[in-house]
N, C-alpha and C. Protein backbone atom coordinates (compact mmCIF):
# COMPACT_ATOMS: atom_id res chain seq x y z
N MET A 1 172.69 200.65 178.84
CA MET A 1 172.01 202.28 178.95
C MET A 1 172.61 202.72 179.89
N SER A 2 173.93 201.64 180.97
CA SER A 2 173.69 202.01 182.15
C SER A 2 174.29 203.51 181.99
N ASP A 3 175.20 204.48 180.72
CA ASP A 3 175.55 205.87 180.94
C ASP A 3 174.39 206.71 180.15
N LEU A 4 173.11 205.94 180.09
CA LEU A 4 173.02 207.27 179.13
C LEU A 4 171.46 207.60 180.57
N THR A 5 170.56 208.49 179.79
CA THR A 5 169.54 208.96 181.71
C THR A 5 168.29 209.11 180.72
N ALA A 6 167.03 208.30 181.57
CA ALA A 6 165.73 209.10 181.10
C ALA A 6 165.41 210.51 181.04
N TYR A 7 164.86 211.25 180.03
CA TYR A 7 164.69 212.14 180.01
C TYR A 7 162.76 211.90 179.44
N ALA A 8 162.19 211.54 179.02
CA ALA A 8 161.22 212.09 178.09
C ALA A 8 160.27 210.54 178.50
N PHE A 9 159.34 210.61 178.80
CA PHE A 9 158.06 209.21 178.39
C PHE A 9 157.00 209.53 178.00
N GLU A 10 156.43 208.61 176.77
CA GLU A 10 154.75 208.66 176.05
C GLU A 10 154.52 207.50 176.05
N THR A 11 152.75 207.23 175.84
CA THR A 11 152.26 206.74 175.26
C THR A 11 151.98 207.17 173.45
N VAL A 12 152.11 206.17 172.74
CA VAL A 12 151.52 206.03 171.73
C VAL A 12 150.51 205.44 171.52
N THR A 13 149.20 205.55 170.97
CA THR A 13 148.24 204.78 169.92
C THR A 13 148.80 204.07 169.18
N VAL A 14 148.88 202.57 168.89
CA VAL A 14 148.62 202.44 167.67
C VAL A 14 147.48 201.83 166.74
N ALA A 15 147.94 202.88 165.53
CA ALA A 15 146.36 202.50 164.88
C ALA A 15 146.49 201.48 163.98
N SER A 16 145.16 200.88 163.79
CA SER A 16 145.36 199.92 162.76
C SER A 16 144.73 200.15 161.71
N ALA A 17 144.01 198.90 160.89
CA ALA A 17 143.66 199.06 159.36
C ALA A 17 145.24 199.75 158.78
N ASN A 18 146.05 199.13 158.74
CA ASN A 18 147.10 199.45 157.90
C ASN A 18 147.65 201.10 157.79
N VAL A 19 147.12 202.07 158.85
CA VAL A 19 147.52 203.19 159.25
C VAL A 19 148.72 203.17 160.17
N ALA A 20 149.84 204.07 159.80
CA ALA A 20 151.77 203.88 160.18
C ALA A 20 151.00 205.12 161.76
N SER A 21 151.47 204.76 162.55
CA SER A 21 151.97 205.64 163.93
C SER A 21 153.37 205.86 163.84
N SER A 22 153.80 207.35 164.32
CA SER A 22 154.95 207.61 164.49
C SER A 22 154.88 207.80 166.55
N LEU A 23 156.94 208.14 166.22
CA LEU A 23 157.03 208.34 168.02
C LEU A 23 156.91 209.61 167.58
N SER A 24 156.50 210.71 168.66
CA SER A 24 156.06 211.99 168.66
C SER A 24 157.98 212.99 168.96
N LYS A 25 157.82 213.56 167.54
CA LYS A 25 158.67 214.66 167.50
C LYS A 25 158.93 215.53 168.96
N GLU A 26 158.16 216.25 168.98
CA GLU A 26 158.13 217.33 170.14
C GLU A 26 158.18 216.82 171.40
N VAL A 27 158.24 215.55 171.54
CA VAL A 27 158.50 215.00 172.94
C VAL A 27 160.23 214.79 172.86
N TYR A 28 160.58 213.99 171.99
CA TYR A 28 161.72 213.26 172.18
C TYR A 28 162.72 214.59 172.13
N GLU A 29 162.53 215.82 170.74
CA GLU A 29 163.73 216.54 170.07
C GLU A 29 162.98 217.69 171.74
N ILE A 30 163.56 218.26 172.40
CA ILE A 30 163.81 218.90 173.20
C ILE A 30 164.69 219.89 172.87
N GLU A 31 163.71 221.12 172.99
CA GLU A 31 165.10 222.56 172.58
C GLU A 31 165.48 222.30 174.10
N GLY A 32 167.22 222.68 173.98
CA GLY A 32 167.91 222.88 174.92
C GLY A 32 168.57 222.07 175.34
N GLN A 33 167.75 220.63 175.30
CA GLN A 33 168.35 219.34 175.87
C GLN A 33 169.53 218.49 174.89
N LEU A 34 170.34 217.43 175.49
CA LEU A 34 171.12 216.50 174.46
C LEU A 34 169.96 216.04 173.78
N PRO A 35 170.21 215.65 172.15
CA PRO A 35 169.83 214.77 171.03
C PRO A 35 169.03 213.08 172.04
N VAL A 36 168.38 212.52 171.61
CA VAL A 36 168.53 211.17 171.73
C VAL A 36 169.01 210.77 171.30
N LYS A 37 169.26 209.32 171.84
CA LYS A 37 170.30 208.82 171.53
C LYS A 37 169.88 206.81 172.00
N ALA A 38 169.00 207.05 172.48
CA ALA A 38 168.18 206.39 172.39
C ALA A 38 167.08 205.97 172.72
N ALA A 39 165.68 204.57 173.04
CA ALA A 39 164.32 204.48 173.49
C ALA A 39 164.18 202.80 172.92
N THR A 40 163.25 202.95 174.98
CA THR A 40 162.35 202.07 174.74
C THR A 40 161.53 201.94 174.76
N ILE A 41 160.81 200.47 174.42
CA ILE A 41 159.03 200.52 173.80
C ILE A 41 158.80 199.71 174.71
N THR A 42 157.89 199.29 175.02
CA THR A 42 157.34 198.40 175.55
C THR A 42 156.42 198.17 174.80
N ILE A 43 155.14 197.44 174.40
CA ILE A 43 154.11 197.02 173.83
C ILE A 43 152.73 196.51 175.02
N GLY A 44 151.68 197.53 174.87
CA GLY A 44 150.77 197.50 175.36
C GLY A 44 150.39 196.26 175.35
N THR A 45 149.25 195.94 176.49
CA THR A 45 147.81 194.74 176.49
C THR A 45 147.05 194.32 175.08
N GLY A 46 147.01 194.90 174.30
CA GLY A 46 146.25 194.70 172.86
C GLY A 46 146.62 193.80 172.37
N PRO A 47 146.01 194.68 170.36
CA PRO A 47 146.86 193.38 169.48
C PRO A 47 148.29 193.71 169.40
N ARG A 48 148.95 192.94 168.74
CA ARG A 48 150.37 192.17 167.84
C ARG A 48 150.37 193.68 167.22
N ILE A 49 151.36 194.27 167.00
CA ILE A 49 151.58 195.15 166.26
C ILE A 49 153.19 194.68 164.77
N SER A 50 152.72 195.07 164.44
CA SER A 50 153.72 195.25 163.00
C SER A 50 154.77 196.75 163.06
N TYR A 51 155.65 196.64 162.87
CA TYR A 51 157.10 198.12 163.31
C TYR A 51 158.23 197.80 162.22
N ILE A 52 158.71 198.94 161.84
CA ILE A 52 159.74 199.41 160.63
C ILE A 52 160.86 200.24 161.40
N PHE A 53 161.91 200.33 161.17
CA PHE A 53 162.99 201.13 161.53
C PHE A 53 163.01 201.62 160.65
N GLY A 54 162.45 202.22 159.49
CA GLY A 54 162.48 203.03 158.37
C GLY A 54 162.91 202.03 156.46
N GLY A 55 162.98 202.64 155.99
CA GLY A 55 162.85 202.05 153.91
C GLY A 55 162.06 201.44 153.86
N VAL A 56 160.70 201.19 154.26
CA VAL A 56 159.21 200.48 153.58
C VAL A 56 158.53 201.05 154.57
N THR A 57 157.21 200.92 154.04
CA THR A 57 155.90 201.39 154.57
C THR A 57 155.53 200.38 155.85
N VAL A 58 155.14 200.40 156.98
CA VAL A 58 154.56 199.56 157.37
C VAL A 58 153.76 198.77 157.11
N GLY A 59 153.11 197.85 157.12
CA GLY A 59 152.22 197.10 156.86
C GLY A 59 151.75 196.26 158.12
N SER A 60 149.87 195.45 158.06
CA SER A 60 150.11 194.09 159.08
C SER A 60 150.94 193.06 158.45
N ALA A 61 151.23 193.42 157.32
CA ALA A 61 151.70 192.05 156.23
C ALA A 61 153.30 192.25 155.83
N THR A 62 153.61 193.52 156.90
CA THR A 62 154.89 194.04 156.38
C THR A 62 155.74 194.77 157.41
N GLY A 63 156.86 194.14 157.70
CA GLY A 63 157.68 195.08 159.44
C GLY A 63 157.81 193.72 160.16
N HIS A 64 158.54 193.77 161.68
CA HIS A 64 158.99 193.26 162.16
C HIS A 64 157.53 193.12 162.79
N ILE A 65 157.28 191.52 164.40
CA ILE A 65 156.72 191.75 164.51
C ILE A 65 156.55 191.65 166.39
N GLY A 66 155.24 192.09 166.95
CA GLY A 66 155.96 192.61 168.19
C GLY A 66 154.69 192.33 169.12
N SER A 67 154.60 191.35 169.65
CA SER A 67 153.92 190.94 170.78
C SER A 67 152.94 191.66 171.89
N PRO A 68 152.15 191.71 173.26
CA PRO A 68 151.68 192.43 173.37
C PRO A 68 153.06 192.32 174.69
N PHE A 69 153.68 192.78 175.98
CA PHE A 69 154.55 193.00 176.86
C PHE A 69 156.03 192.76 176.29
N GLY A 70 155.93 192.77 174.73
CA GLY A 70 157.62 193.12 174.00
C GLY A 70 157.69 193.92 174.35
N VAL A 71 159.23 194.12 173.63
CA VAL A 71 160.04 195.16 174.54
C VAL A 71 160.68 195.20 173.13
N ILE A 72 161.04 196.89 172.14
CA ILE A 72 161.48 196.88 171.30
C ILE A 72 163.17 197.80 171.81
N PRO A 73 163.97 197.35 171.44
CA PRO A 73 164.97 198.34 171.75
C PRO A 73 165.57 199.41 170.54
N LEU A 74 165.55 200.79 170.35
CA LEU A 74 165.63 201.56 169.26
C LEU A 74 167.23 202.75 170.12
N GLU A 75 168.28 202.38 169.16
CA GLU A 75 169.49 202.33 169.47
C GLU A 75 169.66 203.93 167.75
N GLY A 76 169.95 205.04 168.89
CA GLY A 76 170.15 206.18 167.99
C GLY A 76 168.99 207.05 167.67
N HIS A 77 169.55 208.49 166.86
CA HIS A 77 168.33 208.98 166.42
C HIS A 77 167.60 208.65 165.31
N GLN A 78 168.50 207.91 164.19
CA GLN A 78 167.94 207.54 163.21
C GLN A 78 167.10 206.33 163.17
N GLN A 79 166.81 205.10 164.24
CA GLN A 79 165.70 204.93 164.09
C GLN A 79 164.51 205.35 165.16
N VAL A 80 164.85 206.44 166.00
CA VAL A 80 163.65 206.26 166.53
C VAL A 80 162.79 207.54 165.88
N ARG A 81 163.62 208.20 165.17
CA ARG A 81 163.05 209.26 164.10
C ARG A 81 162.00 208.25 162.25
N ASP A 82 162.64 207.13 162.67
CA ASP A 82 161.80 206.50 161.40
C ASP A 82 160.86 205.56 161.75
N PHE A 83 161.04 205.16 163.50
CA PHE A 83 160.38 204.17 163.65
C PHE A 83 158.14 203.98 163.58
N ARG A 84 158.31 203.00 163.00
CA ARG A 84 156.25 203.43 162.31
C ARG A 84 155.97 202.09 162.72
N THR A 85 155.05 202.12 162.68
CA THR A 85 154.08 201.32 163.40
C THR A 85 152.87 201.09 163.41
N THR A 86 152.26 199.83 163.54
CA THR A 86 150.96 199.90 162.82
C THR A 86 150.17 198.83 163.35
N SER A 87 148.72 198.62 163.82
CA SER A 87 148.34 196.70 164.82
C SER A 87 148.02 196.08 163.20
N ILE A 88 148.16 195.09 164.17
CA ILE A 88 148.07 193.19 162.76
C ILE A 88 146.81 193.44 162.39
N SER A 89 145.33 193.56 163.58
CA SER A 89 144.33 193.23 163.73
C SER A 89 143.42 194.79 163.55
N SER A 90 143.12 194.10 161.95
CA SER A 90 142.09 195.36 161.28
C SER A 90 141.18 195.89 162.40
N GLY A 91 140.25 196.90 162.61
CA GLY A 91 139.63 197.58 163.32
C GLY A 91 140.01 197.45 164.63
N THR A 92 141.15 197.23 165.17
CA THR A 92 141.66 197.36 166.33
C THR A 92 142.94 197.73 167.20
N ALA A 93 143.10 198.82 167.49
CA ALA A 93 143.98 200.16 168.26
C ALA A 93 144.60 199.27 168.98
N GLY A 94 145.81 199.61 169.33
CA GLY A 94 146.92 198.99 170.51
C GLY A 94 147.29 200.53 170.88
N SER A 95 148.43 200.45 171.61
CA SER A 95 149.44 201.27 172.11
C SER A 95 151.09 200.83 172.96
N ILE A 96 151.90 201.59 172.80
CA ILE A 96 153.23 201.45 172.98
C ILE A 96 153.58 202.58 173.94
N MET A 97 154.31 202.27 174.91
CA MET A 97 154.75 202.84 175.88
C MET A 97 156.41 202.76 175.79
N VAL A 98 157.11 204.40 175.33
CA VAL A 98 158.31 204.87 175.17
C VAL A 98 158.52 205.96 175.96
N THR A 99 160.50 205.06 176.74
CA THR A 99 161.18 206.03 177.57
C THR A 99 162.25 206.24 176.87
N TYR A 100 162.61 208.00 176.29
CA TYR A 100 164.02 208.50 176.18
C TYR A 100 164.97 208.33 176.22
N TRP A 101 165.85 208.42 176.08
CA TRP A 101 167.19 208.62 176.82
C TRP A 101 168.39 209.30 175.55
N HIS A 102 169.03 209.70 176.57
CA HIS A 102 169.92 210.90 175.77
C HIS A 102 171.80 210.50 177.16
């Protein structure tokens, strides 16, 4: 990512009970800015999460598994737009921290 510039950051609450959370379009698509090219996601200290890049519905048994302090790199606008996540632990929400790059 040496040729990219970080331009936005957000913390997203990762819902539980198979409720999908997504990244905030109003944060990564800023009018007058270059389009998002990548995102770096760090998983918070809460429960493990399940995540997808699109194509299926995310659930506690569907998707990739991410553990606390893990990093998820997203490349390209489509992966950023289609990213969905949920907490694997029922009744326990988590969080992810996201830096956007263009």
